[in-house]
Protein backbone atom coordinates (compact mmCIF):
# COMPACT_ATOMS: atom_id res chain seq x y z
CA UNK A 1 118.62 84.39 158.28
CA UNK A 2 118.00 81.10 160.10
CA UNK A 3 116.33 78.46 158.22
CA UNK A 4 112.85 77.05 159.59
CA UNK A 5 114.45 73.99 160.52
CA UNK A 6 117.26 75.74 162.12
CA UNK A 7 115.09 77.84 164.22
CA UNK A 8 113.12 74.69 165.18
CA UNK A 9 116.36 73.07 166.25
CA UNK A 10 117.50 75.92 168.18
CA UNK A 11 114.27 76.33 170.10
CA UNK A 12 113.89 72.50 170.94
CA UNK A 13 117.56 72.24 172.02
CA UNK A 14 117.11 75.38 174.22
CA UNK A 15 113.72 73.79 175.73
CA UNK A 16 115.44 70.59 176.52
CA UNK A 17 118.58 72.29 178.05
CA UNK A 18 116.42 74.63 180.32
CA UNK A 19 114.19 71.63 181.31
CA UNK A 20 117.21 69.60 182.30
CA UNK A 21 118.43 72.59 184.22
CA UNK A 22 115.25 72.49 186.22
CA UNK A 23 115.54 68.68 186.66
CA UNK A 24 112.08 68.10 185.34
CA UNK A 25 110.58 65.52 182.82
CA UNK A 26 108.74 66.35 179.63
CA UNK A 27 105.65 65.37 181.42
CA UNK A 28 106.26 67.87 184.17
CA UNK A 29 106.98 70.75 181.87
CA UNK A 30 103.93 69.78 179.99
CA UNK A 31 101.82 70.01 182.94
CA UNK A 32 103.24 73.47 183.93
CA UNK A 33 102.80 74.77 180.60
CA UNK A 34 99.32 73.36 180.16
CA UNK A 35 100.52 71.24 176.98
CA UNK A 36 100.51 67.60 176.14
CA UNK A 37 103.47 65.57 176.92
CA UNK A 38 104.08 64.28 173.27
CA UNK A 39 103.96 67.97 172.02
CA UNK A 40 106.82 68.91 174.25
CA UNK A 41 108.69 65.91 172.83
CA UNK A 42 107.78 66.96 169.32
CA UNK A 43 109.15 70.50 170.11
CA UNK A 44 112.54 69.24 171.58
CA UNK A 45 112.98 67.04 168.49
CA UNK A 46 112.21 70.14 166.05
CA UNK A 47 109.20 68.10 164.67
CA UNK A 48 106.56 70.85 165.34
CA UNK A 49 106.28 74.32 164.35
CA UNK A 50 105.32 76.21 167.58
CA UNK A 51 102.76 79.06 167.93
CA UNK A 52 103.69 82.09 169.58
CA UNK A 53 101.11 81.38 172.26
CA UNK A 54 102.67 78.04 173.21
CA UNK A 55 106.23 79.46 173.15
CA UNK A 56 105.22 81.97 175.72
CA UNK A 57 103.66 79.15 177.75
CA UNK A 58 106.74 77.06 177.83
CA UNK A 59 109.00 79.98 178.53
CA UNK A 60 106.92 80.84 181.46
CA UNK A 61 107.02 77.11 182.62
CA UNK A 62 110.69 77.31 182.37
CA UNK A 63 111.09 80.48 184.10
CA UNK A 64 112.96 81.98 181.14
CA UNK A 65 112.38 84.74 178.64
CA UNK A 66 111.24 83.64 175.18
CA UNK A 67 114.50 85.36 173.69
CA UNK A 68 116.49 82.89 175.61
CA UNK A 69 114.76 79.99 173.80
CA UNK A 70 115.72 81.59 170.50
CA UNK A 71 119.44 82.00 171.01
CA UNK A 72 121.82 79.91 169.07
CA UNK A 73 124.22 78.97 171.73
CA UNK A 74 126.36 76.62 169.18
CA UNK A 75 128.21 79.42 167.38
CA UNK A 76 127.91 82.31 169.71
CA UNK A 77 125.47 84.15 167.30
CA UNK A 78 122.28 85.22 168.82
CA UNK A 79 120.46 86.19 165.77
């Protein structure tokens, strides 16, 4: 089982990774997801516990599946 902080870190790192792949700013991602820019920054820094609704908004804005945002790419373990 991944700790609360661990899953927040994984999610935040993945949001940043996919955002950078799209070459968009936090502000642009926030606009696409209808969220505030500072909220995106807090998500990327694992400072905010995200709701499922906002998780879906971000996944749609990044054009990825929610599960892609939860994958731990550091150790090859996708649990």
